[in-house]
């Protein structure tokens, strides 16, 4: 059996260019640079950091939650958390409401 008509069979694939040594070297950071990048994160409590990292995968919902918090600034404590649970956000976003200091502008 033969394949006719110039289908994908028999066509050469275009090779993907690899990174040059200069490009690879530019992406490597020194230990001091890495420390400078992550040091501020180390100051946050682990529960907050875990929530922020999980919530960071929902950037639009973070913006919505911040705007919602501004509109509902009169809510506090359990009432605030209960009201946030009624929103159509991921649970990680809803949980961030319990950490009011992470919402500063």
N, C-alpha and C. Protein backbone atom coordinates (compact mmCIF):
# COMPACT_ATOMS: atom_id res chain seq x y z
N UNK A 1 0.84 -1.15 0.00
CA UNK A 1 0.00 0.00 0.00
C UNK A 1 0.90 1.23 0.00
N UNK A 2 0.54 2.23 -0.80
CA UNK A 2 1.33 3.45 -0.85
C UNK A 2 0.49 4.64 -0.43
N UNK A 3 1.18 5.66 0.06
CA UNK A 3 0.51 6.89 0.47
C UNK A 3 0.78 7.91 -0.60
N UNK A 4 -0.28 8.52 -1.10
CA UNK A 4 -0.14 9.53 -2.14
C UNK A 4 -0.79 10.82 -1.69
N UNK A 5 -0.48 11.87 -2.34
CA UNK A 5 -1.14 13.13 -2.07
C UNK A 5 -0.35 14.06 -1.18
N UNK A 6 0.86 13.73 -0.84
CA UNK A 6 1.71 14.65 -0.09
C UNK A 6 1.27 14.85 1.35
N UNK A 7 0.74 13.82 1.99
CA UNK A 7 0.34 13.92 3.39
C UNK A 7 1.54 14.13 4.28
N UNK A 8 1.31 14.06 5.57
CA UNK A 8 2.35 14.30 6.55
C UNK A 8 3.42 13.21 6.54
N UNK A 9 3.06 12.05 6.01
CA UNK A 9 4.03 10.96 5.97
C UNK A 9 5.15 11.34 5.02
N UNK A 10 6.35 11.22 5.46
CA UNK A 10 7.49 11.50 4.61
C UNK A 10 7.99 12.93 4.69
N UNK A 11 7.26 13.81 5.34
CA UNK A 11 7.73 15.19 5.48
C UNK A 11 8.72 15.27 6.62
N UNK A 12 9.74 16.05 6.41
CA UNK A 12 10.74 16.24 7.46
C UNK A 12 10.21 17.26 8.46
N UNK A 13 10.45 17.01 9.73
CA UNK A 13 10.05 17.96 10.76
C UNK A 13 11.12 19.03 10.89
N UNK A 14 10.68 20.24 11.11
CA UNK A 14 11.60 21.34 11.31
C UNK A 14 12.19 21.22 12.71
N UNK A 15 13.51 21.16 12.83
CA UNK A 15 14.11 21.02 14.15
C UNK A 15 13.88 22.28 14.99
N UNK A 16 13.67 22.08 16.28
CA UNK A 16 13.51 23.19 17.20
C UNK A 16 14.90 23.68 17.58
N UNK A 17 15.17 24.98 17.41
CA UNK A 17 16.51 25.47 17.76
C UNK A 17 16.75 25.35 19.26
N UNK A 18 17.95 24.93 19.60
CA UNK A 18 18.28 24.81 21.01
C UNK A 18 18.89 26.13 21.50
N UNK A 19 18.89 26.28 22.81
CA UNK A 19 19.44 27.50 23.40
C UNK A 19 20.95 27.53 23.21
N UNK A 20 21.46 28.70 22.94
CA UNK A 20 22.91 28.86 22.82
C UNK A 20 23.52 28.88 24.22
N UNK A 21 24.80 28.59 24.35
CA UNK A 21 25.43 28.65 25.67
C UNK A 21 25.28 30.01 26.34
N UNK A 22 25.27 31.08 25.54
CA UNK A 22 25.12 32.41 26.11
C UNK A 22 23.73 32.59 26.72
N UNK A 23 22.68 32.05 26.05
CA UNK A 23 21.32 32.16 26.57
C UNK A 23 21.18 31.34 27.85
N UNK A 24 21.75 30.16 27.88
CA UNK A 24 21.68 29.32 29.06
C UNK A 24 22.40 29.97 30.23
N UNK A 25 23.56 30.53 30.00
CA UNK A 25 24.32 31.18 31.06
C UNK A 25 23.59 32.40 31.60
N UNK A 26 22.85 33.09 30.75
CA UNK A 26 22.13 34.28 31.19
C UNK A 26 20.99 33.92 32.15
N UNK A 27 20.50 32.70 32.10
CA UNK A 27 19.39 32.29 32.96
C UNK A 27 19.86 31.79 34.32
N UNK A 28 21.12 31.50 34.48
CA UNK A 28 21.65 31.00 35.75
C UNK A 28 21.89 32.18 36.67
N UNK A 29 21.40 32.06 37.90
CA UNK A 29 21.56 33.14 38.87
C UNK A 29 22.55 32.72 39.95
N UNK A 30 23.25 33.68 40.47
CA UNK A 30 24.21 33.41 41.54
C UNK A 30 23.44 33.13 42.83
N UNK A 31 24.08 32.48 43.79
CA UNK A 31 23.41 32.24 45.08
C UNK A 31 22.93 33.55 45.74
N UNK A 32 23.73 34.60 45.63
CA UNK A 32 23.31 35.88 46.21
C UNK A 32 22.06 36.43 45.53
N UNK A 33 22.00 36.30 44.19
CA UNK A 33 20.82 36.77 43.46
C UNK A 33 19.58 35.98 43.87
N UNK A 34 19.73 34.68 44.04
CA UNK A 34 18.61 33.86 44.49
C UNK A 34 18.16 34.24 45.89
N UNK A 35 19.11 34.48 46.78
CA UNK A 35 18.77 34.93 48.13
C UNK A 35 18.01 36.25 48.09
N UNK A 36 18.45 37.16 47.24
CA UNK A 36 17.79 38.46 47.12
C UNK A 36 16.36 38.31 46.62
N UNK A 37 16.13 37.34 45.74
CA UNK A 37 14.79 37.12 45.19
C UNK A 37 13.83 36.51 46.19
N UNK A 38 14.30 35.55 46.97
CA UNK A 38 13.39 34.81 47.85
C UNK A 38 13.42 35.25 49.30
N UNK A 39 14.37 36.06 49.71
CA UNK A 39 14.45 36.47 51.12
C UNK A 39 13.18 37.14 51.62
N UNK A 40 12.57 38.05 50.88
CA UNK A 40 11.34 38.68 51.40
C UNK A 40 10.21 37.66 51.64
N UNK A 41 10.16 36.63 50.85
CA UNK A 41 9.12 35.61 51.01
C UNK A 41 9.29 34.86 52.32
N UNK A 42 10.52 34.67 52.74
CA UNK A 42 10.80 33.91 53.97
C UNK A 42 10.26 34.60 55.21
N UNK A 43 9.92 35.86 55.12
CA UNK A 43 9.41 36.60 56.28
C UNK A 43 7.93 36.33 56.54
N UNK A 44 7.22 35.78 55.58
CA UNK A 44 5.80 35.51 55.74
C UNK A 44 5.58 34.20 56.48
N UNK A 45 4.50 34.12 57.26
CA UNK A 45 4.19 32.84 57.92
C UNK A 45 3.89 31.77 56.87
N UNK A 46 4.27 30.54 57.17
CA UNK A 46 4.07 29.45 56.22
C UNK A 46 2.62 29.28 55.77
N UNK A 47 1.62 29.37 56.67
CA UNK A 47 0.24 29.23 56.20
C UNK A 47 -0.15 30.29 55.17
N UNK A 48 0.29 31.51 55.39
CA UNK A 48 -0.01 32.58 54.43
C UNK A 48 0.70 32.33 53.11
N UNK A 49 1.95 31.96 53.16
CA UNK A 49 2.71 31.70 51.94
C UNK A 49 2.07 30.57 51.14
N UNK A 50 1.63 29.53 51.82
CA UNK A 50 0.96 28.42 51.13
C UNK A 50 -0.31 28.88 50.43
N UNK A 51 -1.09 29.72 51.11
CA UNK A 51 -2.32 30.22 50.50
C UNK A 51 -2.03 31.13 49.32
N UNK A 52 -1.03 31.98 49.44
CA UNK A 52 -0.69 32.91 48.36
C UNK A 52 -0.21 32.13 47.14
N UNK A 53 0.62 31.13 47.36
CA UNK A 53 1.12 30.34 46.22
C UNK A 53 -0.02 29.60 45.53
N UNK A 54 -0.91 29.02 46.31
CA UNK A 54 -2.06 28.32 45.70
C UNK A 54 -2.96 29.31 44.96
N UNK A 55 -3.22 30.44 45.56
CA UNK A 55 -4.10 31.44 44.96
C UNK A 55 -3.48 32.11 43.74
N UNK A 56 -2.17 32.11 43.65
CA UNK A 56 -1.50 32.81 42.54
C UNK A 56 -1.84 32.21 41.18
N UNK A 57 -2.41 31.03 41.18
CA UNK A 57 -2.81 30.43 39.90
C UNK A 57 -4.15 30.96 39.42
N UNK A 58 -4.76 31.86 40.20
CA UNK A 58 -6.04 32.48 39.84
C UNK A 58 -5.92 34.00 39.89
N UNK A 59 -5.12 34.59 39.02
CA UNK A 59 -4.85 36.04 39.11
C UNK A 59 -6.10 36.91 38.95
N UNK A 60 -7.02 36.53 38.08
CA UNK A 60 -8.23 37.32 37.90
C UNK A 60 -9.08 37.31 39.17
N UNK A 61 -9.18 36.15 39.80
CA UNK A 61 -9.95 36.05 41.03
C UNK A 61 -9.30 36.84 42.17
N UNK A 62 -7.99 36.94 42.17
CA UNK A 62 -7.31 37.76 43.19
C UNK A 62 -7.74 39.22 43.04
N UNK A 63 -7.77 39.70 41.82
CA UNK A 63 -8.20 41.08 41.57
C UNK A 63 -9.65 41.27 41.98
N UNK A 64 -10.51 40.30 41.61
CA UNK A 64 -11.91 40.38 41.98
C UNK A 64 -12.07 40.40 43.51
N UNK A 65 -11.32 39.56 44.19
CA UNK A 65 -11.41 39.49 45.65
C UNK A 65 -10.94 40.79 46.29
N UNK A 66 -9.89 41.39 45.77
CA UNK A 66 -9.41 42.66 46.31
C UNK A 66 -10.47 43.74 46.13
N UNK A 67 -11.09 43.80 44.97
CA UNK A 67 -12.14 44.79 44.73
C UNK A 67 -13.34 44.52 45.63
N UNK A 68 -13.68 43.26 45.82
CA UNK A 68 -14.79 42.88 46.69
C UNK A 68 -14.50 43.30 48.13
N UNK A 69 -13.25 43.09 48.58
CA UNK A 69 -12.87 43.49 49.94
C UNK A 69 -13.01 45.00 50.13
N UNK A 70 -12.65 45.78 49.12
CA UNK A 70 -12.79 47.23 49.23
C UNK A 70 -14.26 47.63 49.34
N UNK A 71 -15.11 46.97 48.57
CA UNK A 71 -16.54 47.27 48.62
C UNK A 71 -17.19 46.81 49.93
N UNK A 72 -16.60 45.81 50.57
CA UNK A 72 -17.15 45.24 51.80
C UNK A 72 -16.23 45.47 52.98
N UNK A 73 -15.68 46.66 53.06
CA UNK A 73 -14.72 46.97 54.11
C UNK A 73 -15.32 46.94 55.51
N UNK A 74 -16.65 46.97 55.62
CA UNK A 74 -17.30 46.91 56.91
C UNK A 74 -17.36 45.52 57.51
N UNK A 75 -17.08 44.51 56.71
CA UNK A 75 -17.10 43.13 57.22
C UNK A 75 -15.79 42.82 57.92
N UNK A 76 -15.88 42.00 58.96
CA UNK A 76 -14.67 41.61 59.69
C UNK A 76 -14.86 40.23 60.30
N UNK A 77 -13.77 39.59 60.63
CA UNK A 77 -13.79 38.32 61.33
C UNK A 77 -14.54 37.22 60.60
N UNK A 78 -15.33 36.48 61.36
CA UNK A 78 -16.07 35.35 60.81
C UNK A 78 -17.07 35.78 59.75
N UNK A 79 -17.66 36.96 59.92
CA UNK A 79 -18.61 37.47 58.92
C UNK A 79 -17.95 37.68 57.57
N UNK A 80 -16.74 38.18 57.60
CA UNK A 80 -15.99 38.40 56.36
C UNK A 80 -15.68 37.07 55.68
N UNK A 81 -15.22 36.12 56.47
CA UNK A 81 -14.87 34.80 55.93
C UNK A 81 -16.11 34.10 55.38
N UNK A 82 -17.22 34.16 56.10
CA UNK A 82 -18.46 33.54 55.63
C UNK A 82 -18.95 34.19 54.34
N UNK A 83 -18.86 35.50 54.25
CA UNK A 83 -19.27 36.21 53.04
C UNK A 83 -18.37 35.85 51.86
N UNK A 84 -17.09 35.68 52.12
CA UNK A 84 -16.15 35.30 51.05
C UNK A 84 -16.46 33.90 50.53
N UNK A 85 -16.90 33.02 51.41
CA UNK A 85 -17.23 31.64 51.00
C UNK A 85 -18.44 31.61 50.08
N UNK A 86 -19.24 32.66 50.10
CA UNK A 86 -20.41 32.74 49.23
C UNK A 86 -20.04 33.19 47.81
N UNK A 87 -18.82 33.65 47.64
CA UNK A 87 -18.36 34.12 46.33
C UNK A 87 -17.97 32.94 45.45
N UNK A 88 -18.02 33.14 44.16
CA UNK A 88 -17.69 32.08 43.20
C UNK A 88 -16.20 32.10 42.88
N UNK A 89 -15.37 31.94 43.92
CA UNK A 89 -13.92 31.94 43.78
C UNK A 89 -13.39 30.58 44.18
N UNK A 90 -12.19 30.29 43.77
CA UNK A 90 -11.51 29.08 44.22
C UNK A 90 -11.34 29.18 45.74
N UNK A 91 -11.30 28.02 46.40
CA UNK A 91 -11.15 27.99 47.86
C UNK A 91 -9.87 28.68 48.32
N UNK A 92 -8.81 28.63 47.52
CA UNK A 92 -7.57 29.30 47.91
C UNK A 92 -7.74 30.81 47.96
N UNK A 93 -8.56 31.36 47.09
CA UNK A 93 -8.84 32.80 47.10
C UNK A 93 -9.72 33.14 48.30
N UNK A 94 -10.73 32.33 48.54
CA UNK A 94 -11.60 32.56 49.68
C UNK A 94 -10.81 32.54 50.99
N UNK A 95 -9.84 31.66 51.09
CA UNK A 95 -9.05 31.54 52.31
C UNK A 95 -8.15 32.76 52.53
N UNK A 96 -7.74 33.42 51.46
CA UNK A 96 -6.88 34.60 51.61
C UNK A 96 -7.57 35.74 52.34
N UNK A 97 -8.89 35.75 52.33
CA UNK A 97 -9.63 36.80 53.02
C UNK A 97 -9.29 36.80 54.51
N UNK A 98 -8.89 35.66 55.05
CA UNK A 98 -8.54 35.55 56.47
C UNK A 98 -7.22 36.26 56.79
N UNK A 99 -6.48 36.66 55.77
CA UNK A 99 -5.19 37.34 55.94
C UNK A 99 -5.31 38.77 55.42
N UNK A 100 -5.88 39.67 56.18
CA UNK A 100 -6.15 41.02 55.66
C UNK A 100 -4.91 41.80 55.27
N UNK A 101 -3.76 41.53 55.88
CA UNK A 101 -2.58 42.32 55.55
C UNK A 101 -2.02 41.99 54.17
N UNK A 102 -2.41 40.89 53.57
CA UNK A 102 -1.86 40.56 52.24
C UNK A 102 -2.58 41.32 51.14
N UNK A 103 -3.62 42.08 51.46
CA UNK A 103 -4.40 42.79 50.46
C UNK A 103 -4.03 44.26 50.38
N UNK A 104 -2.98 44.67 51.02
CA UNK A 104 -2.60 46.09 50.95
C UNK A 104 -2.22 46.46 49.52
N UNK A 105 -2.55 47.69 49.14
CA UNK A 105 -2.20 48.18 47.79
C UNK A 105 -0.74 48.49 47.70
